[in-house]
C-alpha cells in the first residue's frame, strides 16, 4: 500500500549532463559555505580552540 502524498525522490533526480552540472554547483556551494563558516569561527574567536588543537 503506497501513500500517494509521499514523493519518490529517485524520480526527481536529474540525468546526464544536467546532473553533472548540478553536482558541480552543489559541491562548489558546499565548499564556499564551509570556508565561510571556518572564517567566521576564526574571526570571532570561536576557532581559537580549533586552531590550538590543530597547531598545538
N, C-alpha and C. Protein backbone atom coordinates (compact mmCIF):
# COMPACT_ATOMS: atom_id res chain seq x y z
N UNK A 1 0.84 -1.18 0.00
CA UNK A 1 0.00 0.00 0.00
C UNK A 1 0.89 1.24 0.00
N UNK A 2 0.79 2.02 -1.06
CA UNK A 2 1.60 3.23 -1.18
C UNK A 2 0.79 4.47 -0.86
N UNK A 3 1.45 5.39 -0.25
CA UNK A 3 0.83 6.66 0.11
C UNK A 3 1.02 7.64 -1.05
N UNK A 4 -0.04 8.10 -1.70
CA UNK A 4 0.11 8.98 -2.86
C UNK A 4 0.67 10.35 -2.51
N UNK A 5 0.70 10.72 -1.24
CA UNK A 5 1.23 12.02 -0.87
C UNK A 5 2.73 12.00 -0.66
N UNK A 6 3.33 10.80 -0.65
CA UNK A 6 4.78 10.70 -0.47
C UNK A 6 5.47 10.89 -1.81
N UNK A 7 6.61 11.56 -1.79
CA UNK A 7 7.37 11.83 -3.01
C UNK A 7 8.48 10.81 -3.14
N UNK A 8 8.59 10.22 -4.30
CA UNK A 8 9.69 9.32 -4.60
C UNK A 8 10.83 10.16 -5.15
N UNK A 9 11.84 10.43 -4.33
CA UNK A 9 12.92 11.32 -4.74
C UNK A 9 13.78 10.75 -5.85
N UNK A 10 13.79 9.46 -6.02
CA UNK A 10 14.58 8.87 -7.09
C UNK A 10 14.03 9.29 -8.46
N UNK A 11 12.75 9.61 -8.52
CA UNK A 11 12.16 10.05 -9.78
C UNK A 11 12.46 11.51 -10.06
N UNK A 12 12.93 12.25 -9.05
CA UNK A 12 13.19 13.68 -9.22
C UNK A 12 14.64 13.97 -9.58
N UNK A 13 15.51 12.95 -9.52
CA UNK A 13 16.92 13.17 -9.80
C UNK A 13 17.12 13.46 -11.28
N UNK A 14 17.98 14.43 -11.54
CA UNK A 14 18.29 14.78 -12.93
C UNK A 14 19.22 13.73 -13.52
N UNK A 15 19.18 13.60 -14.85
CA UNK A 15 20.01 12.63 -15.54
C UNK A 15 21.04 13.32 -16.43
N UNK A 16 22.14 12.64 -16.66
CA UNK A 16 23.11 13.07 -17.64
C UNK A 16 23.87 14.34 -17.28
N UNK A 17 24.01 15.18 -18.29
CA UNK A 17 24.81 16.40 -18.17
C UNK A 17 24.24 17.37 -17.13
N UNK A 18 22.93 17.43 -17.05
CA UNK A 18 22.29 18.32 -16.07
C UNK A 18 22.65 17.89 -14.65
N UNK A 19 22.71 16.60 -14.41
CA UNK A 19 23.06 16.09 -13.08
C UNK A 19 24.51 16.45 -12.75
N UNK A 20 25.39 16.35 -13.73
CA UNK A 20 26.80 16.70 -13.51
C UNK A 20 26.94 18.18 -13.16
N UNK A 21 26.22 19.02 -13.87
CA UNK A 21 26.28 20.46 -13.62
C UNK A 21 25.73 20.77 -12.24
N UNK A 22 24.61 20.14 -11.89
CA UNK A 22 24.01 20.35 -10.57
C UNK A 22 24.97 19.89 -9.48
N UNK A 23 25.59 18.73 -9.68
CA UNK A 23 26.52 18.17 -8.70
C UNK A 23 27.72 19.09 -8.52
N UNK A 24 28.22 19.62 -9.62
CA UNK A 24 29.38 20.52 -9.56
C UNK A 24 29.02 21.81 -8.82
N UNK A 25 27.86 22.37 -9.12
CA UNK A 25 27.43 23.59 -8.45
C UNK A 25 27.22 23.36 -6.96
N UNK A 26 26.61 22.23 -6.62
CA UNK A 26 26.37 21.90 -5.21
C UNK A 26 27.68 21.73 -4.47
N UNK A 27 28.62 21.04 -5.09
CA UNK A 27 29.92 20.82 -4.47
C UNK A 27 30.63 22.15 -4.23
N UNK A 28 30.59 23.05 -5.20
CA UNK A 28 31.22 24.36 -5.06
C UNK A 28 30.54 25.15 -3.95
N UNK A 29 29.21 25.08 -3.88
CA UNK A 29 28.46 25.81 -2.85
C UNK A 29 28.79 25.28 -1.46
N UNK A 30 28.92 23.95 -1.34
CA UNK A 30 29.26 23.35 -0.05
C UNK A 30 30.65 23.81 0.39
N UNK A 31 31.62 23.82 -0.53
CA UNK A 31 32.97 24.27 -0.19
C UNK A 31 32.98 25.73 0.25
N UNK A 32 32.24 26.57 -0.46
CA UNK A 32 32.20 28.00 -0.11
C UNK A 32 31.59 28.19 1.27
N UNK A 33 30.50 27.51 1.53
CA UNK A 33 29.85 27.63 2.84
C UNK A 33 30.78 27.14 3.94
N UNK A 34 31.48 26.04 3.70
CA UNK A 34 32.40 25.51 4.71
C UNK A 34 33.50 26.52 5.02
N UNK A 35 34.09 27.13 3.99
CA UNK A 35 35.16 28.11 4.23
C UNK A 35 34.64 29.36 4.92
N UNK A 36 33.43 29.78 4.59
CA UNK A 36 32.85 30.94 5.26
C UNK A 36 32.64 30.65 6.74
N UNK A 37 32.16 29.46 7.05
CA UNK A 37 31.94 29.08 8.45
C UNK A 37 33.27 29.03 9.19
N UNK A 38 34.28 28.43 8.58
CA UNK A 38 35.60 28.36 9.21
C UNK A 38 36.15 29.76 9.45
N UNK A 39 36.02 30.62 8.44
CA UNK A 39 36.49 32.00 8.58
C UNK A 39 35.76 32.75 9.67
N UNK A 40 34.46 32.57 9.75
CA UNK A 40 33.67 33.23 10.79
C UNK A 40 34.08 32.76 12.18
N UNK A 41 34.34 31.47 12.31
CA UNK A 41 34.78 30.95 13.61
C UNK A 41 36.12 31.55 14.02
N UNK A 42 37.04 31.64 13.07
CA UNK A 42 38.36 32.18 13.38
C UNK A 42 38.27 33.66 13.71
N UNK A 43 37.52 34.42 12.93
CA UNK A 43 37.40 35.86 13.16
C UNK A 43 36.74 36.16 14.49
N UNK A 44 35.74 35.40 14.86
CA UNK A 44 35.02 35.69 16.10
C UNK A 44 35.68 35.06 17.32
N UNK A 45 36.77 34.35 17.13
CA UNK A 45 37.48 33.77 18.28
C UNK A 45 36.99 32.38 18.63
N UNK A 46 35.89 31.95 18.07
CA UNK A 46 35.40 30.61 18.36
C UNK A 46 36.29 29.54 17.80
N UNK A 47 37.10 29.91 16.83
CA UNK A 47 38.02 28.95 16.23
C UNK A 47 39.34 28.85 16.95
N UNK A 48 39.53 29.61 18.02
CA UNK A 48 40.79 29.57 18.76
C UNK A 48 41.06 28.18 19.30
N UNK A 49 40.06 27.54 19.81
CA UNK A 49 40.24 26.18 20.32
C UNK A 49 40.60 25.23 19.20
N UNK A 50 39.92 25.37 18.07
CA UNK A 50 40.22 24.51 16.92
C UNK A 50 41.65 24.72 16.44
N UNK A 51 42.07 25.98 16.32
CA UNK A 51 43.43 26.25 15.87
C UNK A 51 44.45 25.74 16.89
N UNK A 52 44.16 25.89 18.16
CA UNK A 52 45.07 25.38 19.19
C UNK A 52 45.21 23.87 19.09
N UNK A 53 44.10 23.20 18.81
CA UNK A 53 44.16 21.73 18.67
C UNK A 53 44.92 21.34 17.41
N UNK A 54 44.74 22.08 16.33
CA UNK A 54 45.40 21.74 15.07
C UNK A 54 46.89 22.03 15.10
N UNK A 55 47.27 23.18 15.64
CA UNK A 55 48.64 23.64 15.56
C UNK A 55 49.40 23.54 16.88
N UNK A 56 48.75 23.00 17.90
CA UNK A 56 49.41 22.77 19.18
C UNK A 56 49.69 24.06 19.87
